[in-house]
Amino acid sequence: MKMAILFGTLILLAGCADHFVAPTSGPVAEANFAAAGLDHGATILVQNFDNESCAPSRNGTRLATFTTTAIQGKGDSHDGVARTIPAGKPAIFTYAYNDGSSGVMDKTCSITESFVPTAGARYLVKFHKLDKTCDLSVTRQDGNDPKAVEGLHQVKPICLNGLTG
């Protein structure tokens, strides 16, 4: 019963999400958002924020949704969802993981990271879940040798938009 309530709530919230829209002016970079280590029944919401104070993004909040169970035919490939993002200013992303066990806090984790994308660059932003911990790696992918992004840092407290995220 708890699982049915949770998925019903997710379905309703999916319709309220403020989906990300690529910028139409200014310098941009490409980011591929991916996830690994999802348990069966898990969901991950990938959200975007304007600053490290967690202000809602003018481009929309929801960057991607990863699930192991199709919800209304929605859900993104775990290999990645490509987005065009603003460059030259901080990019702030949250991955919010929930395994679907309502009330079991040791099976959820969220992480917010920030970095400044370079115009014209391509990035891989990948969530990794191992046991009870979650981690986020960001690598620049536009050369022969992918490199970890300089200046990447964790934002605390995490940013999370429960209304339109």
Protein backbone atom coordinates (compact mmCIF):
# COMPACT_ATOMS: atom_id res chain seq x y z
CA MET A 1 0.00 0.00 0.00
CA LYS A 2 2.82 2.42 0.89
CA MET A 3 4.44 1.75 -2.50
CA ALA A 4 1.17 2.51 -4.33
CA ILE A 5 0.81 5.80 -2.45
CA LEU A 6 4.42 6.75 -3.19
CA PHE A 7 4.13 6.04 -6.91
CA GLY A 8 0.78 7.81 -7.06
CA THR A 9 2.38 10.86 -5.50
CA LEU A 10 5.31 10.69 -7.95
CA ILE A 11 2.91 10.52 -10.90
CA LEU A 12 1.07 13.61 -9.66
CA LEU A 13 4.31 15.49 -9.00
CA ALA A 14 5.71 14.57 -12.43
CA GLY A 15 2.93 16.63 -13.99
CA CYS A 16 3.79 19.65 -11.80
CA ALA A 17 7.49 19.63 -12.59
CA ASP A 18 9.06 22.79 -13.97
CA HIS A 19 11.09 21.16 -16.76
CA PHE A 20 14.40 22.68 -17.84
CA VAL A 21 14.50 24.76 -21.03
CA ALA A 22 17.86 25.39 -22.73
CA PRO A 23 19.09 29.01 -22.73
CA THR A 24 18.42 30.94 -25.94
CA SER A 25 21.21 33.50 -25.55
CA GLY A 26 24.67 33.80 -24.04
CA PRO A 27 27.53 31.30 -23.87
CA VAL A 28 26.58 27.64 -23.42
CA ALA A 29 28.10 24.22 -22.71
CA GLU A 30 26.76 20.70 -23.12
CA ALA A 31 26.15 18.45 -20.09
CA ASN A 32 25.14 14.80 -20.14
CA PHE A 33 23.39 13.84 -16.87
CA ALA A 34 23.68 10.12 -16.00
CA ALA A 35 23.14 7.76 -13.06
CA ALA A 36 24.46 4.41 -11.85
CA GLY A 37 23.64 2.12 -8.94
CA LEU A 38 19.86 2.45 -8.78
CA ASP A 39 18.05 -0.21 -6.76
CA HIS A 40 14.83 -1.70 -8.15
CA GLY A 41 11.94 0.73 -7.62
CA ALA A 42 14.28 3.69 -7.08
CA THR A 43 13.92 7.17 -8.55
CA ILE A 44 16.36 10.03 -8.97
CA LEU A 45 15.33 13.60 -9.65
CA VAL A 46 18.02 15.83 -11.14
CA GLN A 47 17.39 19.48 -10.37
CA ASN A 48 18.94 22.78 -11.44
CA PHE A 49 19.34 25.94 -9.32
CA ASP A 50 20.35 29.55 -10.02
CA ASN A 51 22.80 29.89 -7.14
CA GLU A 52 24.23 28.16 -4.09
CA SER A 53 21.46 29.69 -1.98
CA CYS A 54 19.13 27.32 -3.86
CA ALA A 55 17.14 29.98 -5.75
CA PRO A 56 14.92 28.37 -8.42
CA SER A 57 16.47 28.38 -11.87
CA ARG A 58 15.06 30.77 -14.46
CA ASN A 59 15.56 27.94 -16.99
CA GLY A 60 13.41 25.48 -15.02
CA THR A 61 14.17 23.00 -12.28
CA ARG A 62 13.87 19.44 -13.63
CA LEU A 63 16.86 18.35 -15.72
CA ALA A 64 16.17 14.60 -15.71
CA THR A 65 14.30 11.78 -13.99
CA PHE A 66 15.83 8.35 -13.63
CA THR A 67 13.69 5.38 -12.62
CA THR A 68 13.90 1.61 -12.65
CA THR A 69 10.13 1.37 -13.16
CA ALA A 70 8.39 3.27 -15.95
CA ILE A 71 6.09 5.95 -14.56
CA GLN A 72 3.54 7.02 -17.18
CA GLY A 73 6.08 6.10 -19.84
CA LYS A 74 8.49 8.68 -18.40
CA GLY A 75 12.01 8.19 -17.20
CA ASP A 76 15.34 8.81 -18.86
CA SER A 77 18.07 6.52 -20.08
CA HIS A 78 20.53 5.94 -17.24
CA ASP A 79 23.34 6.43 -19.78
CA GLY A 80 22.51 10.08 -19.90
CA VAL A 81 20.25 12.96 -20.75
CA ALA A 82 21.92 15.71 -22.79
CA ARG A 83 21.17 19.32 -21.89
CA THR A 84 22.53 22.65 -23.10
CA ILE A 85 23.40 24.69 -20.01
CA PRO A 86 24.59 28.27 -19.45
CA ALA A 87 28.39 28.66 -19.39
CA GLY A 88 30.62 31.14 -17.57
CA LYS A 89 28.51 31.16 -14.39
CA PRO A 90 28.07 28.55 -11.64
CA ALA A 91 26.02 25.50 -12.55
CA ILE A 92 24.33 24.03 -9.47
CA PHE A 93 22.83 20.52 -9.72
CA THR A 94 21.14 18.24 -7.20
CA TYR A 95 20.64 14.50 -7.56
CA ALA A 96 17.90 13.38 -5.13
CA TYR A 97 17.78 9.57 -4.77
CA ASN A 98 14.89 7.65 -3.18
CA ASP A 99 14.64 3.87 -3.24
CA GLY A 100 10.84 3.90 -2.91
CA SER A 101 10.76 2.70 0.71
CA SER A 102 8.73 5.45 2.31
CA GLY A 103 10.03 6.20 5.78
CA VAL A 104 13.34 4.35 5.41
CA MET A 105 15.87 7.18 5.58
CA ASP A 106 18.99 5.03 5.18
CA LYS A 107 18.02 4.27 1.59
CA THR A 108 17.80 7.84 0.38
CA CYS A 109 20.53 10.33 -0.36
CA SER A 110 20.87 13.65 -2.07
CA ILE A 111 23.88 15.61 -3.21
CA THR A 112 24.30 19.11 -4.65
CA GLU A 113 27.45 20.11 -6.55
CA SER A 114 28.55 23.33 -8.24
CA PHE A 115 31.10 24.22 -10.95
CA VAL A 116 31.54 26.84 -13.67
CA PRO A 117 31.15 25.36 -17.17
CA THR A 118 33.38 26.65 -19.98
CA ALA A 119 31.67 27.88 -23.15
CA GLY A 120 31.65 25.21 -25.84
CA ALA A 121 32.78 22.42 -23.49
CA ARG A 122 31.08 19.02 -23.02
CA TYR A 123 30.63 17.48 -19.58
CA LEU A 124 29.51 14.19 -18.08
CA VAL A 125 27.69 14.66 -14.75
CA LYS A 126 27.27 11.20 -13.23
CA PHE A 127 25.60 10.07 -10.02
CA HIS A 128 26.97 6.96 -8.32
CA LYS A 129 25.20 5.14 -5.49
CA LEU A 130 27.11 2.59 -3.44
CA ASP A 131 25.33 1.04 -0.47
CA LYS A 132 24.11 3.99 1.65
CA THR A 133 26.24 6.73 0.11
CA CYS A 134 25.92 8.79 -3.02
CA ASP A 135 28.53 10.67 -4.98
CA LEU A 136 28.60 12.92 -8.03
CA SER A 137 31.45 13.13 -10.53
CA VAL A 138 31.81 15.74 -13.25
CA THR A 139 34.31 15.23 -16.06
CA ARG A 140 35.09 17.29 -19.12
CA GLN A 141 34.53 15.07 -22.17
CA ASP A 142 35.62 17.20 -25.14
CA GLY A 143 39.23 16.01 -25.32
CA ASN A 144 40.95 12.69 -25.88
CA ASP A 145 41.43 12.23 -22.14
CA PRO A 146 38.38 13.00 -19.92
CA LYS A 147 39.43 15.17 -16.99
CA ALA A 148 37.84 15.89 -13.63
CA VAL A 149 36.41 19.40 -13.50
CA GLU A 150 38.41 21.94 -11.54
CA GLY A 151 36.50 23.95 -8.97
CA LEU A 152 33.80 21.30 -8.46
CA HIS A 153 32.54 21.53 -4.91
CA GLN A 154 29.68 20.24 -2.81
CA VAL A 155 26.97 22.69 -1.76
CA LYS A 156 25.66 22.34 1.81
CA PRO A 157 22.96 22.29 2.81
CA ILE A 158 21.71 20.55 -0.31
CA CYS A 159 19.35 22.33 -2.66
CA LEU A 160 16.00 20.61 -3.21
CA ASN A 161 12.81 21.89 -4.81
CA GLY A 162 9.88 19.81 -3.56
CA LEU A 163 7.20 21.92 -5.25
CA THR A 164 8.13 22.03 -8.94
CA GLY A 165 11.29 19.92 -8.95
